[in-house]
Protein backbone atom coordinates (compact mmCIF):
# COMPACT_ATOMS: atom_id res chain seq x y z
CA UNK A 1 1.55 -92.55 17.85
CA UNK A 2 2.07 -90.14 14.75
CA UNK A 3 -0.30 -89.68 11.81
CA UNK A 4 1.67 -92.25 9.78
CA UNK A 5 0.73 -95.17 12.00
CA UNK A 6 -1.21 -98.08 10.30
CA UNK A 7 -3.16 -100.75 12.06
CA UNK A 8 -4.26 -103.82 10.44
CA UNK A 9 -5.77 -107.36 11.02
CA UNK A 10 -3.12 -110.03 9.94
CA UNK A 11 -3.10 -113.95 10.03
CA UNK A 12 -0.68 -115.93 12.23
CA UNK A 13 1.62 -116.69 9.39
CA UNK A 14 2.32 -112.93 8.92
CA UNK A 15 3.86 -112.65 12.36
CA UNK A 16 7.60 -113.03 12.66
CA UNK A 17 8.81 -116.76 12.93
CA UNK A 18 9.76 -116.25 16.67
CA UNK A 19 6.28 -114.76 17.51
CA UNK A 20 4.78 -117.84 15.63
CA UNK A 21 6.95 -120.64 17.49
CA UNK A 22 5.99 -118.51 21.02
CA UNK A 23 2.66 -118.90 20.18
CA UNK A 24 2.82 -122.71 19.43
CA UNK A 25 4.80 -123.43 22.32
CA UNK A 26 2.91 -121.26 25.09
CA UNK A 27 -0.61 -121.37 23.73
CA UNK A 28 -0.91 -124.65 21.62
CA UNK A 29 -4.53 -125.30 22.75
CA UNK A 30 -5.76 -121.75 21.98
CA UNK A 31 -7.25 -120.15 18.89
CA UNK A 32 -6.19 -116.58 17.79
CA UNK A 33 -9.41 -114.21 17.73
CA UNK A 34 -7.56 -111.64 15.66
CA UNK A 35 -4.09 -110.11 15.36
CA UNK A 36 -3.43 -106.28 14.94
CA UNK A 37 -0.03 -105.23 13.02
CA UNK A 38 0.43 -101.66 14.34
CA UNK A 39 3.14 -99.75 12.33
CA UNK A 40 4.58 -96.27 12.46
CA UNK A 41 7.81 -94.66 11.10
CA UNK A 42 9.63 -95.77 14.12
CA UNK A 43 8.66 -99.53 14.98
CA UNK A 44 6.18 -102.37 14.21
CA UNK A 45 4.25 -104.08 17.24
CA UNK A 46 1.87 -106.93 16.85
CA UNK A 47 -0.94 -107.62 19.40
CA UNK A 48 -2.49 -110.93 19.26
CA UNK A 49 -5.94 -111.90 20.77
CA UNK A 50 -6.68 -115.44 21.63
CA UNK A 51 -10.50 -116.43 21.75
CA UNK A 52 -9.88 -117.45 25.62
CA UNK A 53 -9.31 -113.92 26.46
CA UNK A 54 -5.38 -113.59 26.67
CA UNK A 55 -3.17 -111.04 24.89
CA UNK A 56 0.22 -111.26 23.85
CA UNK A 57 2.21 -108.13 22.50
CA UNK A 58 5.28 -108.72 20.24
CA UNK A 59 8.03 -106.21 18.90
CA UNK A 60 8.86 -105.95 15.29
CA UNK A 61 11.29 -108.92 15.43
CA UNK A 62 8.72 -111.02 17.31
CA UNK A 63 10.21 -110.76 20.72
CA UNK A 64 7.19 -110.88 23.35
CA UNK A 65 6.81 -107.55 25.36
CA UNK A 66 3.65 -108.44 27.57
CA UNK A 67 1.49 -111.45 28.14
CA UNK A 68 -1.89 -110.87 29.78
CA UNK A 69 -4.20 -113.65 30.64
CA UNK A 70 -7.23 -111.46 31.23
CA UNK A 71 -8.59 -113.28 33.91
CA UNK A 72 -7.68 -116.86 32.22
CA UNK A 73 -4.75 -119.11 33.22
CA UNK A 74 -1.29 -117.75 32.34
CA UNK A 75 0.78 -120.82 30.99
CA UNK A 76 3.67 -121.25 33.18
CA UNK A 77 5.88 -122.02 30.16
CA UNK A 78 5.51 -118.18 29.61
CA UNK A 79 7.65 -117.40 32.71
CA UNK A 80 11.38 -117.36 32.53
CA UNK A 81 12.66 -120.35 34.35
CA UNK A 82 14.24 -118.28 37.06
CA UNK A 83 11.12 -116.26 37.62
CA UNK A 84 8.65 -119.44 37.43
CA UNK A 85 10.78 -121.17 40.32
CA UNK A 86 10.85 -118.07 42.42
CA UNK A 87 6.93 -117.87 42.15
CA UNK A 88 6.39 -121.51 42.49
CA UNK A 89 8.71 -121.16 45.69
CA UNK A 90 7.18 -117.91 47.29
CA UNK A 91 3.83 -117.41 46.04
CA UNK A 92 2.36 -121.07 45.79
CA UNK A 93 -1.19 -121.05 44.83
CA UNK A 94 -1.13 -117.62 43.33
CA UNK A 95 -2.10 -117.18 39.65
CA UNK A 96 0.25 -114.88 37.35
CA UNK A 97 -2.00 -112.64 35.35
CA UNK A 98 0.40 -110.50 33.47
CA UNK A 99 3.90 -110.37 32.73
CA UNK A 100 5.94 -107.71 30.94
CA UNK A 101 9.51 -107.87 29.53
CA UNK A 102 11.05 -104.38 30.07
CA UNK A 103 14.69 -103.28 29.16
CA UNK A 104 15.57 -103.84 32.70
CA UNK A 105 14.06 -107.21 33.50
CA UNK A 106 10.54 -108.41 34.16
CA UNK A 107 7.37 -107.21 35.86
CA UNK A 108 4.74 -110.06 37.09
CA UNK A 109 1.39 -109.22 38.44
CA UNK A 110 -0.68 -111.82 40.02
CA UNK A 111 -4.39 -112.01 40.09
CA UNK A 112 -4.57 -110.16 43.38
CA UNK A 113 -2.78 -106.98 42.12
CA UNK A 114 0.77 -107.96 43.86
CA UNK A 115 3.43 -107.03 41.38
CA UNK A 116 7.00 -108.44 41.64
CA UNK A 117 9.75 -107.35 39.47
CA UNK A 118 12.93 -109.47 38.27
CA UNK A 119 15.97 -108.62 36.64
CA UNK A 120 16.92 -109.88 33.06
CA UNK A 121 18.56 -113.03 34.54
CA UNK A 122 15.26 -113.88 36.56
CA UNK A 123 16.59 -112.46 39.82
CA UNK A 124 14.01 -110.99 42.45
CA UNK A 125 14.27 -107.34 42.75
CA UNK A 126 11.50 -106.10 44.83
CA UNK A 127 7.71 -106.24 45.23
CA UNK A 128 5.01 -103.71 44.62
CA UNK A 129 1.56 -104.22 46.09
């Protein structure tokens, strides 16, 4: 972060529409605690903190980058369909703690610290425990 970085609290309505829809769809019953807009010369990011403990990071366009349940229950609707199907089939009973959307795909972390990696189509790549 350079010296030109600016952080400020914003309202949900100031988020990009895509981010607002993501919140309505995946966290309909959770109130936001606070939202940080983090701007610097190169990019803008948003971090939404929910009263239940979960956090979501969005890029400047409103696309989610990371969802961290922080010891609460991750809404299954957050997971891409192919990833959710793989998790249900191979890790039944395990709770997803965090999912990150990287340029190469998705990284899913369970509450027991097992991490799985998937490509952008949701195809399983590897396990990292």
